[in-house]
Structure formats: C-alpha cells, structure tokens
C-alpha cells in the first residue's frame, strides 16, 4: 500500500473535527489581520476558500463564532 501525507481535512475526519489550539490561534490571528485590513467576515471567509485548499466548513464555523471576540 502506498503511503501519503495526511492533510488537515483528513485529520479532521479522523478526529471528529476538533480544531487544536495551534489552528485556532492561527484563525484568531487571521481574524485580527482581516479586521485590521477593514475586511468583513464574509470577505475573510471568501479569501480563505479562494486561496487555501485545506480550509473546511469547520474553520468557517470557527471564524463565524469567534469573529466578534477577536480584536
């Protein structure tokens, strides 16, 4: 059987979709930077889907749920 590296999406399927603290810290930083650039939450999410092939609905959910808490 040929081995391959697991992607973030693969890991989420295996772990039941729990985001670890490293990922949430990165998403918090992205939210902060998007706000600093005067982007809306929708623009931030669209940028992720456009430029990050590993962005998942779980990441989107995290951004939506935490958008107002991140300064």
Protein backbone atom coordinates (compact mmCIF):
# COMPACT_ATOMS: atom_id res chain seq x y z
CA UNK A 1 0.00 0.00 0.00
CA UNK A 2 1.35 3.42 -0.96
CA UNK A 3 1.73 5.89 1.91
CA UNK A 4 0.72 9.53 1.67
CA UNK A 5 0.78 12.51 3.97
CA UNK A 6 -2.44 13.36 5.74
CA UNK A 7 -3.93 16.76 5.09
CA UNK A 8 -5.69 18.86 7.68
CA UNK A 9 -9.02 17.77 6.18
CA UNK A 10 -8.03 14.10 6.56
CA UNK A 11 -7.10 14.65 10.19
CA UNK A 12 -10.39 16.38 10.88
CA UNK A 13 -12.29 13.40 9.54
CA UNK A 14 -10.32 11.04 11.75
CA UNK A 15 -10.52 13.17 14.91
CA UNK A 16 -14.16 14.09 14.55
CA UNK A 17 -13.42 17.64 13.51
CA UNK A 18 -11.87 19.10 16.64
CA UNK A 19 -9.57 22.01 15.94
CA UNK A 20 -6.41 22.09 18.02
CA UNK A 21 -5.07 25.21 19.73
CA UNK A 22 -2.45 25.83 17.04
CA UNK A 23 -5.14 26.05 14.36
CA UNK A 24 -7.46 28.22 16.45
CA UNK A 25 -4.57 30.57 17.29
CA UNK A 26 -3.84 30.90 13.57
CA UNK A 27 -7.51 31.56 12.79
CA UNK A 28 -7.64 34.19 15.55
CA UNK A 29 -4.60 35.91 14.04
CA UNK A 30 -6.21 35.84 10.59
CA UNK A 31 -9.39 37.38 12.01
CA UNK A 32 -7.31 40.10 13.66
CA UNK A 33 -5.43 40.85 10.44
CA UNK A 34 -8.63 40.83 8.37
CA UNK A 35 -10.21 43.36 10.72
CA UNK A 36 -7.07 45.48 10.61
CA UNK A 37 -7.40 45.49 6.80
CA UNK A 38 -11.08 46.54 7.14
CA UNK A 39 -12.35 43.28 5.67
CA UNK A 40 -15.74 41.92 6.58
CA UNK A 41 -16.19 38.44 7.98
CA UNK A 42 -17.64 37.33 4.63
CA UNK A 43 -14.63 38.70 2.73
CA UNK A 44 -12.28 36.91 5.12
CA UNK A 45 -14.09 33.60 4.64
CA UNK A 46 -14.22 34.01 0.85
CA UNK A 47 -10.48 34.71 0.78
CA UNK A 48 -9.85 31.52 2.72
CA UNK A 49 -11.93 29.43 0.32
CA UNK A 50 -10.24 31.09 -2.65
CA UNK A 51 -6.63 30.76 -1.50
CA UNK A 52 -6.45 27.88 0.99
CA UNK A 53 -7.33 24.43 -0.33
CA UNK A 54 -7.36 22.97 3.21
CA UNK A 55 -9.98 25.43 4.52
CA UNK A 56 -13.01 23.50 5.75
CA UNK A 57 -16.55 24.25 6.90
CA UNK A 58 -15.30 23.70 10.46
CA UNK A 59 -12.78 26.51 10.03
CA UNK A 60 -15.54 28.71 8.63
CA UNK A 61 -17.74 27.88 11.61
CA UNK A 62 -14.91 28.84 13.99
CA UNK A 63 -14.42 32.18 12.24
CA UNK A 64 -18.16 32.93 12.34
CA UNK A 65 -18.43 32.01 16.02
CA UNK A 66 -15.34 33.97 17.10
CA UNK A 67 -15.35 36.97 14.77
CA UNK A 68 -16.74 39.39 17.37
CA UNK A 69 -14.49 38.15 20.20
CA UNK A 70 -11.21 38.79 18.36
CA UNK A 71 -9.98 42.39 18.49
